[in-house]
């Protein structure tokens, strides 16, 4: 029995699925996330945290990393620095969502022109 035709039909049907509603919903979500990040980054509370907490913690972690000899602790410090770096610079944090927003818009535009 030749099942090749069954597989071909399955993939054809799967590729024809319309994910436009999902893309539109994701577009709305990304827009809301970006607006929220921008609002938080411009607030006085964030500026206070940035200056008094995030920058100091980041500097402390970097100093610890420079002096650490244990490989497991070095890996942990690198992860902590990566996470904290997102909150120190909200522009970079927002940029990842902006890139995803642009890709989603392009996908949606490609779907609408077909």
Protein backbone atom coordinates (compact mmCIF):
# COMPACT_ATOMS: atom_id res chain seq x y z
CA UNK A 1 0.00 0.00 0.00
CA UNK A 2 1.41 3.38 -1.03
CA UNK A 3 0.85 6.04 1.64
CA UNK A 4 2.77 8.78 -0.17
CA UNK A 5 -0.45 10.41 -1.42
CA UNK A 6 -1.86 10.55 2.11
CA UNK A 7 1.20 12.41 3.36
CA UNK A 8 1.10 14.86 0.45
CA UNK A 9 -2.56 15.69 1.06
CA UNK A 10 -1.94 16.15 4.76
CA UNK A 11 0.83 18.70 4.18
CA UNK A 12 -1.19 20.54 1.55
CA UNK A 13 -4.14 20.92 3.90
CA UNK A 14 -1.91 22.04 6.75
CA UNK A 15 -0.21 24.74 4.66
CA UNK A 16 -3.59 26.11 3.58
CA UNK A 17 -4.64 26.84 7.18
CA UNK A 18 -5.33 30.52 7.63
CA UNK A 19 -3.51 31.99 10.61
CA UNK A 20 -4.54 35.59 9.87
CA UNK A 21 -6.70 35.88 13.02
CA UNK A 22 -3.77 34.67 15.12
CA UNK A 23 -1.43 37.20 13.47
CA UNK A 24 -3.91 40.06 14.04
CA UNK A 25 -4.26 39.10 17.71
CA UNK A 26 -0.48 38.90 18.12
CA UNK A 27 -0.16 42.30 16.43
CA UNK A 28 -2.52 43.81 19.02
CA UNK A 29 -0.66 42.12 21.89
CA UNK A 30 2.72 43.35 20.68
CA UNK A 31 1.41 46.89 20.29
CA UNK A 32 0.08 46.83 23.87
CA UNK A 33 3.37 45.43 25.21
CA UNK A 34 5.43 48.08 23.43
CA UNK A 35 3.15 50.88 24.66
CA UNK A 36 3.41 49.54 28.23
CA UNK A 37 7.20 49.31 28.07
CA UNK A 38 7.41 52.87 26.72
CA UNK A 39 5.09 54.18 29.44
CA UNK A 40 7.04 52.45 32.20
CA UNK A 41 10.41 53.58 30.86
CA UNK A 42 9.27 57.22 30.89
CA UNK A 43 7.89 57.13 34.43
CA UNK A 44 9.71 58.75 37.33
CA UNK A 45 9.44 55.52 39.31
CA UNK A 46 11.36 53.60 36.68
CA UNK A 47 14.04 56.30 36.53
CA UNK A 48 14.40 56.05 40.30
CA UNK A 49 14.76 52.26 40.14
CA UNK A 50 17.14 52.48 37.23
CA UNK A 51 19.48 54.86 39.03
CA UNK A 52 19.33 53.42 42.53
CA UNK A 53 18.76 49.70 42.02
CA UNK A 54 19.40 48.38 38.53
CA UNK A 55 22.66 50.19 37.72
CA UNK A 56 24.16 49.42 41.13
CA UNK A 57 23.15 45.77 40.99
CA UNK A 58 24.50 45.42 37.47
CA UNK A 59 27.83 46.96 38.44
CA UNK A 60 28.06 44.66 41.45
CA UNK A 61 27.37 41.56 39.35
CA UNK A 62 29.97 42.58 36.77
CA UNK A 63 32.58 43.10 39.50
CA UNK A 64 31.77 39.68 40.96
CA UNK A 65 32.08 38.12 37.52
CA UNK A 66 35.54 39.60 37.03
CA UNK A 67 36.76 38.06 40.30
CA UNK A 68 34.95 34.71 40.19
CA UNK A 69 36.91 31.49 39.59
CA UNK A 70 34.15 28.85 39.92
CA UNK A 71 32.72 27.98 36.47
CA UNK A 72 29.24 27.30 37.80
CA UNK A 73 29.14 30.64 39.60
CA UNK A 74 30.48 32.39 36.45
CA UNK A 75 27.62 30.90 34.42
CA UNK A 76 25.08 31.99 37.04
CA UNK A 77 26.49 35.53 37.10
CA UNK A 78 26.40 35.74 33.30
CA UNK A 79 22.73 34.74 33.32
CA UNK A 80 21.91 37.24 36.06
CA UNK A 81 23.70 40.00 34.15
CA UNK A 82 21.80 39.13 30.95
CA UNK A 83 18.45 39.29 32.76
CA UNK A 84 19.22 42.49 34.65
CA UNK A 85 20.54 44.15 31.48
CA UNK A 86 17.04 43.95 29.98
CA UNK A 87 15.65 46.07 32.78
CA UNK A 88 18.50 48.56 32.85
CA UNK A 89 17.94 49.55 29.23
CA UNK A 90 14.26 49.40 28.32
CA UNK A 91 15.01 50.60 24.78
CA UNK A 92 16.76 47.29 24.08
CA UNK A 93 13.99 45.42 25.87
CA UNK A 94 11.41 47.15 23.70
CA UNK A 95 13.44 46.61 20.52
CA UNK A 96 12.91 42.83 20.57
CA UNK A 97 9.15 43.34 20.62
CA UNK A 98 9.38 45.99 17.90
CA UNK A 99 11.25 43.55 15.64
CA UNK A 100 8.64 40.87 16.26
CA UNK A 101 5.93 43.44 15.50
CA UNK A 102 7.55 44.25 12.15
CA UNK A 103 7.88 40.57 11.24
CA UNK A 104 4.25 39.97 12.17
CA UNK A 105 3.14 42.93 10.05
CA UNK A 106 5.09 41.54 7.09
CA UNK A 107 3.53 38.10 7.54
CA UNK A 108 0.09 39.63 7.74
CA UNK A 109 0.70 41.79 4.67
CA UNK A 110 1.89 38.70 2.77
CA UNK A 111 -1.33 36.86 3.73
CA UNK A 112 -3.57 39.74 2.66
CA UNK A 113 -1.97 40.14 -0.78
CA UNK A 114 -2.50 36.45 -1.63
